[in-house]
Amino acid sequence: MARLILFNKPFGVLSQFTDEGSGRPTLAHHIDLPRVYPAGRLDRDSEGLLILTDDGKLQARIADPKFNKPKTYLVQVEGVPVDNALAALASGVTLKDGPTRPATARRINAPDLWPRVPPIRYRKSVPDTWLELTITEGRNRQVRRMTAHVGHPTLRLVRWRIGEWSLDGLAPGDWREA
């Protein structure tokens, strides 16, 4: 039976178990389990759901875009996206590495999340907005590049859900078996 671990990756933690000599926190600082590996990645400056497994085929089904596994992000962006910006995200935008698949994008109320350490920069003169964005790919820094493309740079990025698995009830740095 495959082992499946849901981990709430804190800001600043690398999505790998080792980082020789850098002193940066890694998965090993939070998870002491043999032979589990991340199914996909989250950038060091992103937070949220990271799935780990000991099953290579399951790892591929979760991470590989050809399986269309939806990934839902809570995204705090700079400014207030108008309907045209949301429509562009929904229909797919063209980035330097080609067009993205269509996504679902909607404005949401500020979610009840843990405080980020360090906090995001706050500018009194520039409002921010929360979006819920669901994609079925996982290119390098894709969500950040998509929101920037429509004129709203990402301030905070939390992956909340991958397929049927979510962060519900998991504090930053905590993990549980699914």
N, C-alpha and C. Protein backbone atom coordinates (compact mmCIF):
# COMPACT_ATOMS: atom_id res chain seq x y z
N MET A 1 0.84 -1.18 0.00
CA MET A 1 0.00 0.00 0.00
C MET A 1 0.88 1.24 0.00
N ALA A 2 0.62 2.14 -0.92
CA ALA A 2 1.42 3.36 -1.03
C ALA A 2 1.22 4.25 0.18
N ARG A 3 2.28 4.87 0.60
CA ARG A 3 2.23 5.85 1.69
C ARG A 3 2.01 7.22 1.08
N LEU A 4 1.08 7.98 1.65
CA LEU A 4 0.76 9.32 1.15
C LEU A 4 0.75 10.28 2.33
N ILE A 5 1.61 11.29 2.26
CA ILE A 5 1.77 12.26 3.34
C ILE A 5 1.33 13.62 2.84
N LEU A 6 0.48 14.30 3.61
CA LEU A 6 0.08 15.67 3.32
C LEU A 6 0.86 16.56 4.28
N PHE A 7 1.57 17.53 3.73
CA PHE A 7 2.43 18.41 4.52
C PHE A 7 2.09 19.86 4.23
N ASN A 8 1.96 20.66 5.27
CA ASN A 8 1.75 22.10 5.10
C ASN A 8 3.12 22.77 5.14
N LYS A 9 3.68 23.01 3.97
CA LYS A 9 5.03 23.58 3.85
C LYS A 9 5.02 25.04 4.25
N PRO A 10 5.79 25.40 5.27
CA PRO A 10 5.88 26.80 5.64
C PRO A 10 6.70 27.63 4.65
N PHE A 11 6.49 28.92 4.67
CA PHE A 11 7.29 29.86 3.89
C PHE A 11 8.76 29.64 4.24
N GLY A 12 9.63 29.66 3.24
CA GLY A 12 11.08 29.57 3.46
C GLY A 12 11.65 28.18 3.48
N VAL A 13 10.80 27.15 3.48
CA VAL A 13 11.28 25.76 3.50
C VAL A 13 11.42 25.27 2.06
N LEU A 14 12.54 24.61 1.78
CA LEU A 14 12.78 24.04 0.46
C LEU A 14 11.99 22.74 0.29
N SER A 15 11.52 22.47 -0.91
CA SER A 15 10.75 21.25 -1.20
C SER A 15 11.66 20.08 -1.51
N GLN A 16 12.67 19.89 -0.70
CA GLN A 16 13.63 18.79 -0.85
C GLN A 16 14.16 18.47 0.54
N PHE A 17 14.78 17.30 0.67
CA PHE A 17 15.24 16.86 1.99
C PHE A 17 16.65 17.33 2.33
N THR A 18 17.45 17.69 1.33
CA THR A 18 18.82 18.12 1.63
C THR A 18 19.13 19.41 0.89
N ASP A 19 20.03 20.17 1.46
CA ASP A 19 20.56 21.38 0.83
C ASP A 19 21.93 21.62 1.46
N GLU A 20 22.88 20.85 1.00
CA GLU A 20 24.21 20.79 1.61
C GLU A 20 24.81 22.16 1.93
N GLY A 21 25.05 22.37 3.21
CA GLY A 21 25.82 23.52 3.66
C GLY A 21 25.14 24.87 3.59
N SER A 22 23.92 24.98 3.10
CA SER A 22 23.30 26.30 2.96
C SER A 22 22.68 26.79 4.26
N GLY A 23 22.30 25.87 5.12
CA GLY A 23 21.63 26.25 6.36
C GLY A 23 20.15 26.56 6.18
N ARG A 24 19.65 26.48 4.94
CA ARG A 24 18.23 26.76 4.71
C ARG A 24 17.40 25.56 5.18
N PRO A 25 16.21 25.83 5.73
CA PRO A 25 15.37 24.71 6.17
C PRO A 25 14.86 23.88 5.00
N THR A 26 14.79 22.58 5.21
CA THR A 26 14.34 21.64 4.18
C THR A 26 13.21 20.78 4.77
N LEU A 27 12.71 19.87 3.97
CA LEU A 27 11.68 18.94 4.44
C LEU A 27 12.18 18.12 5.63
N ALA A 28 13.48 17.83 5.67
CA ALA A 28 14.05 17.03 6.75
C ALA A 28 13.88 17.71 8.11
N HIS A 29 13.71 19.02 8.13
CA HIS A 29 13.49 19.73 9.39
C HIS A 29 12.09 19.47 9.95
N HIS A 30 11.21 18.91 9.14
CA HIS A 30 9.81 18.72 9.54
C HIS A 30 9.33 17.28 9.45
N ILE A 31 9.94 16.49 8.56
CA ILE A 31 9.44 15.14 8.29
C ILE A 31 10.59 14.16 8.44
N ASP A 32 10.45 13.23 9.37
CA ASP A 32 11.47 12.22 9.61
C ASP A 32 10.90 10.85 9.23
N LEU A 33 10.69 10.66 7.94
CA LEU A 33 10.16 9.40 7.43
C LEU A 33 11.08 8.90 6.33
N PRO A 34 11.39 7.62 6.32
CA PRO A 34 12.27 7.10 5.27
C PRO A 34 11.53 6.92 3.95
N ARG A 35 12.25 7.13 2.87
CA ARG A 35 11.82 6.79 1.51
C ARG A 35 10.50 7.41 1.05
N VAL A 36 10.21 8.63 1.49
CA VAL A 36 9.09 9.37 0.89
C VAL A 36 9.68 10.56 0.16
N TYR A 37 9.05 10.90 -0.96
CA TYR A 37 9.57 11.96 -1.82
C TYR A 37 8.43 12.86 -2.25
N PRO A 38 8.71 14.15 -2.46
CA PRO A 38 7.64 15.06 -2.86
C PRO A 38 7.12 14.77 -4.27
N ALA A 39 5.81 14.86 -4.40
CA ALA A 39 5.15 14.74 -5.70
C ALA A 39 4.90 16.17 -6.18
N GLY A 40 5.89 16.73 -6.84
CA GLY A 40 5.83 18.12 -7.24
C GLY A 40 6.64 18.98 -6.28
N ARG A 41 6.57 20.29 -6.51
CA ARG A 41 7.37 21.21 -5.72
C ARG A 41 6.55 22.44 -5.38
N LEU A 42 7.01 23.15 -4.38
CA LEU A 42 6.53 24.49 -4.07
C LEU A 42 7.78 25.33 -3.89
N ASP A 43 7.80 26.51 -4.46
CA ASP A 43 8.94 27.40 -4.29
C ASP A 43 9.17 27.71 -2.82
N ARG A 44 10.39 28.10 -2.51
CA ARG A 44 10.75 28.44 -1.14
C ARG A 44 9.85 29.54 -0.59
N ASP A 45 9.43 30.49 -1.44
CA ASP A 45 8.61 31.60 -0.97
C ASP A 45 7.11 31.35 -1.12
N SER A 46 6.74 30.09 -1.38
CA SER A 46 5.33 29.70 -1.41
C SER A 46 5.05 28.79 -0.22
N GLU A 47 3.79 28.72 0.15
CA GLU A 47 3.38 27.93 1.31
C GLU A 47 2.32 26.93 0.89
N GLY A 48 2.03 26.00 1.78
CA GLY A 48 0.86 25.17 1.58
C GLY A 48 1.12 23.72 1.31
N LEU A 49 0.14 23.10 0.65
CA LEU A 49 0.09 21.65 0.51
C LEU A 49 1.19 21.11 -0.38
N LEU A 50 1.94 20.19 0.19
CA LEU A 50 2.93 19.42 -0.54
C LEU A 50 2.63 17.96 -0.21
N ILE A 51 2.51 17.15 -1.24
CA ILE A 51 2.23 15.73 -1.04
C ILE A 51 3.52 14.95 -1.23
N LEU A 52 3.76 14.02 -0.31
CA LEU A 52 4.92 13.14 -0.40
C LEU A 52 4.42 11.70 -0.45
N THR A 53 5.15 10.87 -1.17
CA THR A 53 4.75 9.46 -1.28
C THR A 53 5.99 8.60 -1.47
N ASP A 54 5.80 7.31 -1.25
CA ASP A 54 6.87 6.34 -1.51
C ASP A 54 6.60 5.55 -2.79
N ASP A 55 5.58 5.96 -3.55
CA ASP A 55 5.16 5.26 -4.76
C ASP A 55 5.46 6.14 -5.98
N GLY A 56 6.42 5.71 -6.80
CA GLY A 56 6.84 6.50 -7.96
C GLY A 56 5.72 6.73 -8.97
N LYS A 57 4.87 5.73 -9.20
CA LYS A 57 3.77 5.90 -10.15
C LYS A 57 2.75 6.90 -9.62
N LEU A 58 2.45 6.82 -8.35
CA LEU A 58 1.52 7.79 -7.74
C LEU A 58 2.13 9.19 -7.77
N GLN A 59 3.42 9.27 -7.51
CA GLN A 59 4.13 10.55 -7.55
C GLN A 59 3.96 11.19 -8.93
N ALA A 60 4.10 10.41 -9.98
CA ALA A 60 3.94 10.92 -11.35
C ALA A 60 2.49 11.33 -11.62
N ARG A 61 1.53 10.53 -11.17
CA ARG A 61 0.11 10.87 -11.41
C ARG A 61 -0.28 12.17 -10.72
N ILE A 62 0.35 12.48 -9.59
CA ILE A 62 0.04 13.71 -8.88
C ILE A 62 0.73 14.91 -9.54
N ALA A 63 1.99 14.75 -9.92
CA ALA A 63 2.80 15.87 -10.37
C ALA A 63 2.75 16.13 -11.87
N ASP A 64 2.59 15.11 -12.69
CA ASP A 64 2.69 15.27 -14.14
C ASP A 64 1.45 15.96 -14.70
N PRO A 65 1.63 17.07 -15.44
CA PRO A 65 0.49 17.81 -16.00
C PRO A 65 -0.40 16.98 -16.93
N LYS A 66 0.12 15.90 -17.51
CA LYS A 66 -0.70 15.13 -18.44
C LYS A 66 -1.87 14.45 -17.73
N PHE A 67 -1.83 14.35 -16.40
CA PHE A 67 -2.92 13.74 -15.64
C PHE A 67 -3.98 14.76 -15.20
N ASN A 68 -3.76 16.05 -15.53
CA ASN A 68 -4.75 17.11 -15.26
C ASN A 68 -5.22 17.19 -13.82
N LYS A 69 -4.35 16.92 -12.88
CA LYS A 69 -4.73 16.98 -11.46
C LYS A 69 -4.88 18.46 -11.08
N PRO A 70 -6.09 18.90 -10.69
CA PRO A 70 -6.27 20.31 -10.36
C PRO A 70 -5.54 20.69 -9.07
N LYS A 71 -4.93 21.85 -9.10
CA LYS A 71 -4.23 22.40 -7.94
C LYS A 71 -4.83 23.77 -7.66
N THR A 72 -5.34 23.96 -6.45
CA THR A 72 -6.01 25.20 -6.08
C THR A 72 -5.13 26.01 -5.14
N TYR A 73 -4.97 27.27 -5.48
CA TYR A 73 -4.12 28.20 -4.74
C TYR A 73 -4.95 29.36 -4.21
N LEU A 74 -4.62 29.81 -3.01
CA LEU A 74 -5.13 31.06 -2.48
C LEU A 74 -4.01 32.06 -2.71
N VAL A 75 -4.32 33.12 -3.46
CA VAL A 75 -3.28 34.01 -3.94
C VAL A 75 -3.62 35.44 -3.54
N GLN A 76 -2.75 36.06 -2.79
CA GLN A 76 -2.90 37.47 -2.46
C GLN A 76 -2.11 38.26 -3.49
N VAL A 77 -2.81 39.13 -4.21
CA VAL A 77 -2.17 39.89 -5.28
C VAL A 77 -2.21 41.38 -4.98
N GLU A 78 -1.32 42.08 -5.61
CA GLU A 78 -1.28 43.53 -5.51
C GLU A 78 -2.35 44.11 -6.42
N GLY A 79 -3.11 45.06 -5.89
CA GLY A 79 -4.15 45.70 -6.67
C GLY A 79 -5.46 44.94 -6.61
N VAL A 80 -6.41 45.41 -7.41
CA VAL A 80 -7.74 44.80 -7.47
C VAL A 80 -7.99 44.37 -8.91
N PRO A 81 -7.88 43.07 -9.21
CA PRO A 81 -8.08 42.61 -10.58
C PRO A 81 -9.51 42.86 -11.06
N VAL A 82 -9.63 43.43 -12.24
CA VAL A 82 -10.94 43.64 -12.84
C VAL A 82 -11.37 42.36 -13.53
N ASP A 83 -12.61 42.32 -13.98
CA ASP A 83 -13.15 41.11 -14.60
C ASP A 83 -12.33 40.66 -15.81
N ASN A 84 -11.79 41.61 -16.58
CA ASN A 84 -10.97 41.25 -17.75
C ASN A 84 -9.72 40.47 -17.35
N ALA A 85 -9.10 40.85 -16.23
CA ALA A 85 -7.91 40.14 -15.76
C ALA A 85 -8.27 38.71 -15.35
N LEU A 86 -9.40 38.57 -14.65
CA LEU A 86 -9.84 37.23 -14.24
C LEU A 86 -10.20 36.39 -15.45
N ALA A 87 -10.83 37.01 -16.45
CA ALA A 87 -11.20 36.29 -17.68
C ALA A 87 -9.94 35.84 -18.42
N ALA A 88 -8.90 36.67 -18.42
CA ALA A 88 -7.65 36.28 -19.07
C ALA A 88 -7.03 35.06 -18.37
N LEU A 89 -7.04 35.07 -17.04
CA LEU A 89 -6.52 33.92 -16.31
C LEU A 89 -7.34 32.67 -16.62
N ALA A 90 -8.66 32.85 -16.70
CA ALA A 90 -9.55 31.72 -16.93
C ALA A 90 -9.39 31.13 -18.33
N SER A 91 -9.09 31.97 -19.30
CA SER A 91 -8.94 31.45 -20.67
C SER A 91 -7.51 30.99 -20.96
N GLY A 92 -6.58 31.34 -20.09
CA GLY A 92 -5.18 31.00 -20.30
C GLY A 92 -4.43 32.20 -20.83
N VAL A 93 -3.23 32.40 -20.33
CA VAL A 93 -2.40 33.52 -20.77
C VAL A 93 -1.15 32.97 -21.44
N THR A 94 -0.53 33.77 -22.27
CA THR A 94 0.69 33.33 -22.94
C THR A 94 1.90 33.87 -22.19
N LEU A 95 2.67 32.95 -21.63
CA LEU A 95 3.90 33.29 -20.92
C LEU A 95 5.09 33.05 -21.84
N LYS A 96 6.28 33.36 -21.38
CA LYS A 96 7.48 33.18 -22.22
C LYS A 96 7.65 31.74 -22.68
N ASP A 97 7.18 30.78 -21.86
CA ASP A 97 7.32 29.37 -22.24
C ASP A 97 6.05 28.82 -22.87
N GLY A 98 5.19 29.71 -23.36
CA GLY A 98 4.00 29.28 -24.09
C GLY A 98 2.71 29.54 -23.34
N PRO A 99 1.58 29.23 -24.00
CA PRO A 99 0.28 29.48 -23.38
C PRO A 99 0.00 28.51 -22.23
N THR A 100 -0.68 29.03 -21.22
CA THR A 100 -1.11 28.18 -20.11
C THR A 100 -2.47 27.57 -20.45
N ARG A 101 -2.78 26.50 -19.79
CA ARG A 101 -4.12 25.93 -19.93
C ARG A 101 -5.12 26.86 -19.25
N PRO A 102 -6.38 26.77 -19.64
CA PRO A 102 -7.39 27.55 -18.94
C PRO A 102 -7.38 27.21 -17.45
N ALA A 103 -7.70 28.21 -16.64
CA ALA A 103 -7.73 28.05 -15.18
C ALA A 103 -9.10 28.52 -14.68
N THR A 104 -9.37 28.29 -13.43
CA THR A 104 -10.52 28.95 -12.83
C THR A 104 -9.96 30.01 -11.90
N ALA A 105 -10.54 31.18 -11.96
CA ALA A 105 -10.04 32.31 -11.17
C ALA A 105 -11.22 33.12 -10.67
N ARG A 106 -11.20 33.40 -9.37
CA ARG A 106 -12.25 34.25 -8.81
C ARG A 106 -11.72 35.01 -7.61
N ARG A 107 -12.28 36.19 -7.39
CA ARG A 107 -11.96 36.96 -6.20
C ARG A 107 -12.63 36.29 -5.00
N ILE A 108 -11.94 36.29 -3.87
CA ILE A 108 -12.51 35.74 -2.63
C ILE A 108 -12.23 36.71 -1.49
N ASN A 109 -12.97 36.55 -0.40
CA ASN A 109 -12.66 37.29 0.81
C ASN A 109 -11.34 36.78 1.37
N ALA A 110 -10.67 37.62 2.14
CA ALA A 110 -9.40 37.21 2.75
C ALA A 110 -9.62 35.94 3.55
N PRO A 111 -8.88 34.87 3.25
CA PRO A 111 -9.07 33.61 3.97
C PRO A 111 -8.51 33.70 5.40
N ASP A 112 -8.99 32.83 6.24
CA ASP A 112 -8.52 32.76 7.63
C ASP A 112 -7.29 31.87 7.66
N LEU A 113 -6.14 32.47 7.40
CA LEU A 113 -4.88 31.73 7.35
C LEU A 113 -4.01 32.12 8.54
N TRP A 114 -3.01 31.32 8.78
CA TRP A 114 -1.99 31.59 9.77
C TRP A 114 -1.19 32.82 9.33
N PRO A 115 -0.59 33.54 10.26
CA PRO A 115 0.26 34.67 9.86
C PRO A 115 1.50 34.15 9.14
N ARG A 116 1.93 34.88 8.14
CA ARG A 116 3.15 34.48 7.44
C ARG A 116 4.34 35.12 8.13
N VAL A 117 5.40 34.34 8.26
CA VAL A 117 6.63 34.83 8.86
C VAL A 117 7.74 34.68 7.82
N PRO A 118 8.32 35.79 7.33
CA PRO A 118 7.98 37.18 7.67
C PRO A 118 6.69 37.60 6.96
N PRO A 119 6.03 38.65 7.48
CA PRO A 119 4.79 39.10 6.83
C PRO A 119 5.07 39.68 5.45
N ILE A 120 4.03 39.70 4.61
CA ILE A 120 4.20 40.31 3.30
C ILE A 120 4.38 41.81 3.48
N ARG A 121 4.92 42.44 2.46
CA ARG A 121 5.08 43.89 2.54
C ARG A 121 3.70 44.52 2.46
N TYR A 122 3.48 45.53 3.24
CA TYR A 122 2.20 46.22 3.25
C TYR A 122 2.41 47.64 2.77
N ARG A 123 1.61 48.06 1.79
CA ARG A 123 1.71 49.43 1.29
C ARG A 123 0.33 50.07 1.42
N LYS A 124 0.28 51.12 2.21
CA LYS A 124 -0.98 51.79 2.49
C LYS A 124 -1.65 52.30 1.22
N SER A 125 -0.86 52.69 0.23
CA SER A 125 -1.42 53.30 -0.97
C SER A 125 -1.81 52.28 -2.05
N VAL A 126 -1.48 51.01 -1.85
CA VAL A 126 -1.79 49.99 -2.86
C VAL A 126 -2.64 48.90 -2.21
N PRO A 127 -3.90 48.75 -2.66
CA PRO A 127 -4.74 47.70 -2.09
C PRO A 127 -4.26 46.32 -2.52
N ASP A 128 -4.74 45.31 -1.84
CA ASP A 128 -4.47 43.94 -2.27
C ASP A 128 -5.78 43.17 -2.30
N THR A 129 -5.77 42.07 -3.02
CA THR A 129 -6.96 41.24 -3.23
C THR A 129 -6.56 39.78 -3.13
N TRP A 130 -7.48 38.97 -2.63
CA TRP A 130 -7.27 37.53 -2.61
C TRP A 130 -8.02 36.89 -3.76
N LEU A 131 -7.36 35.95 -4.41
CA LEU A 131 -7.96 35.17 -5.49
C LEU A 131 -7.89 33.69 -5.13
N GLU A 132 -8.82 32.93 -5.67
CA GLU A 132 -8.70 31.48 -5.68
C GLU A 132 -8.45 31.10 -7.13
N LEU A 133 -7.32 30.45 -7.37
CA LEU A 133 -6.90 30.11 -8.73
C LEU A 133 -6.64 28.61 -8.79
N THR A 134 -7.28 27.94 -9.74
CA THR A 134 -7.08 26.50 -9.91
C THR A 134 -6.50 26.26 -11.29
N ILE A 135 -5.37 25.55 -11.31
CA ILE A 135 -4.68 25.22 -12.56
C ILE A 135 -4.53 23.70 -12.65
N THR A 136 -4.25 23.22 -13.85
CA THR A 136 -4.02 21.78 -14.03
C THR A 136 -2.62 21.51 -14.56
N GLU A 137 -1.76 22.51 -14.48
CA GLU A 137 -0.36 22.33 -14.85
C GLU A 137 0.47 22.53 -13.60
N GLY A 138 1.71 22.82 -13.75
CA GLY A 138 2.57 23.09 -12.61
C GLY A 138 3.93 23.57 -13.08
N ARG A 139 3.92 24.51 -13.99
CA ARG A 139 5.21 25.03 -14.48
C ARG A 139 5.91 25.82 -13.38
N ASN A 140 7.19 26.04 -13.59
CA ASN A 140 7.98 26.80 -12.64
C ASN A 140 7.36 28.18 -12.40
N ARG A 141 7.01 28.45 -11.14
CA ARG A 141 6.46 29.73 -10.70
C ARG A 141 5.26 30.18 -11.54
N GLN A 142 4.49 29.22 -12.01
CA GLN A 142 3.40 29.50 -12.96
C GLN A 142 2.37 30.48 -12.42
N VAL A 143 1.85 30.26 -11.23
CA VAL A 143 0.81 31.14 -10.70
C VAL A 143 1.35 32.56 -10.55
N ARG A 144 2.55 32.70 -10.04
CA ARG A 144 3.15 34.04 -9.90
C ARG A 144 3.31 34.72 -11.27
N ARG A 145 3.73 33.95 -12.26
CA ARG A 145 3.91 34.54 -13.59
C ARG A 145 2.57 34.88 -14.22
N MET A 146 1.55 34.07 -13.98
CA MET A 146 0.22 34.36 -14.54
C MET A 146 -0.37 35.64 -13.94
N THR A 147 -0.30 35.78 -12.62
CA THR A 147 -0.88 36.99 -12.02
C THR A 147 -0.09 38.23 -12.42
N ALA A 148 1.22 38.10 -12.52
CA ALA A 148 2.03 39.24 -12.97
C ALA A 148 1.68 39.61 -14.40
N HIS A 149 1.42 38.60 -15.23
CA HIS A 149 1.09 38.84 -16.64
C HIS A 149 -0.17 39.69 -16.79
N VAL A 150 -1.12 39.53 -15.87
CA VAL A 150 -2.36 40.33 -15.95
C VAL A 150 -2.27 41.59 -15.09
N GLY A 151 -1.05 41.93 -14.65
CA GLY A 151 -0.83 43.20 -13.96
C GLY A 151 -1.01 43.19 -12.46
N HIS A 152 -1.01 41.99 -11.85
CA HIS A 152 -1.23 41.89 -10.41
C HIS A 152 -0.23 40.94 -9.78
N PRO A 153 0.95 41.44 -9.43
CA PRO A 153 1.98 40.58 -8.86
C PRO A 153 1.50 39.88 -7.59
N THR A 154 1.96 38.65 -7.42
CA THR A 154 1.61 37.86 -6.24
C THR A 154 2.39 38.34 -5.03
N LEU A 155 1.67 38.54 -3.93
CA LEU A 155 2.29 38.91 -2.66
C LEU A 155 2.44 37.69 -1.74
N ARG A 156 1.43 36.83 -1.77
CA ARG A 156 1.45 35.60 -0.95
C ARG A 156 0.76 34.50 -1.74
N LEU A 157 1.34 33.30 -1.68
CA LEU A 157 0.83 32.17 -2.44
C LEU A 157 0.74 30.95 -1.53
N VAL A 158 -0.48 30.43 -1.39
CA VAL A 158 -0.72 29.25 -0.55
C VAL A 158 -1.44 28.20 -1.39
N ARG A 159 -0.78 27.04 -1.61
CA ARG A 159 -1.48 25.96 -2.31
C ARG A 159 -2.39 25.29 -1.28
N TRP A 160 -3.69 25.31 -1.56
CA TRP A 160 -4.67 24.79 -0.62
C TRP A 160 -5.10 23.36 -0.93
N ARG A 161 -5.13 23.02 -2.22
CA ARG A 161 -5.68 21.72 -2.59
C ARG A 161 -4.94 21.16 -3.80
N ILE A 162 -4.77 19.84 -3.81
CA ILE A 162 -4.31 19.08 -4.97
C ILE A 162 -5.29 17.95 -5.14
N GLY A 163 -6.05 17.97 -6.25
CA GLY A 163 -7.07 16.95 -6.44
C GLY A 163 -8.02 16.91 -5.26
N GLU A 164 -8.17 15.74 -4.65
CA GLU A 164 -9.09 15.60 -3.52
C GLU A 164 -8.46 15.87 -2.17
N TRP A 165 -7.17 16.14 -2.12
CA TRP A 165 -6.47 16.38 -0.86
C TRP A 165 -6.37 17.87 -0.58
N SER A 166 -6.56 18.25 0.69
CA SER A 166 -6.47 19.67 1.03
C SER A 166 -5.73 19.86 2.35
N LEU A 167 -5.48 21.13 2.65
CA LEU A 167 -4.78 21.52 3.86
C LEU A 167 -5.68 21.57 5.08
N ASP A 168 -6.96 21.32 4.93
CA ASP A 168 -7.89 21.44 6.05
C ASP A 168 -7.32 20.82 7.32
N GLY A 169 -7.23 21.63 8.37
CA GLY A 169 -6.79 21.15 9.67
C GLY A 169 -5.29 20.98 9.86
N LEU A 170 -4.48 21.38 8.88
CA LEU A 170 -3.03 21.21 8.99
C LEU A 170 -2.36 22.57 9.22
N ALA A 171 -1.69 22.72 10.33
CA ALA A 171 -0.95 23.95 10.63
C ALA A 171 0.38 23.93 9.87
N PRO A 172 0.97 25.09 9.63
CA PRO A 172 2.27 25.13 8.96
C PRO A 172 3.31 24.26 9.69
N GLY A 173 4.02 23.45 8.90
CA GLY A 173 5.04 22.57 9.46
C GLY A 173 4.51 21.22 9.92
N ASP A 174 3.18 21.05 9.92
CA ASP A 174 2.58 19.79 10.33
C ASP A 174 2.32 18.89 9.11
N TRP A 175 2.21 17.61 9.37
CA TRP A 175 1.90 16.64 8.31
C TRP A 175 1.01 15.55 8.88
N ARG A 176 0.33 14.85 7.99
CA ARG A 176 -0.49 13.70 8.37
C ARG A 176 -0.53 12.73 7.19
N GLU A 177 -0.82 11.48 7.51
CA GLU A 177 -0.99 10.48 6.46
C GLU A 177 -2.40 10.62 5.91
N ALA A 178 -2.53 10.47 4.59
CA ALA A 178 -3.86 10.58 3.97
C ALA A 178 -4.49 9.21 3.86
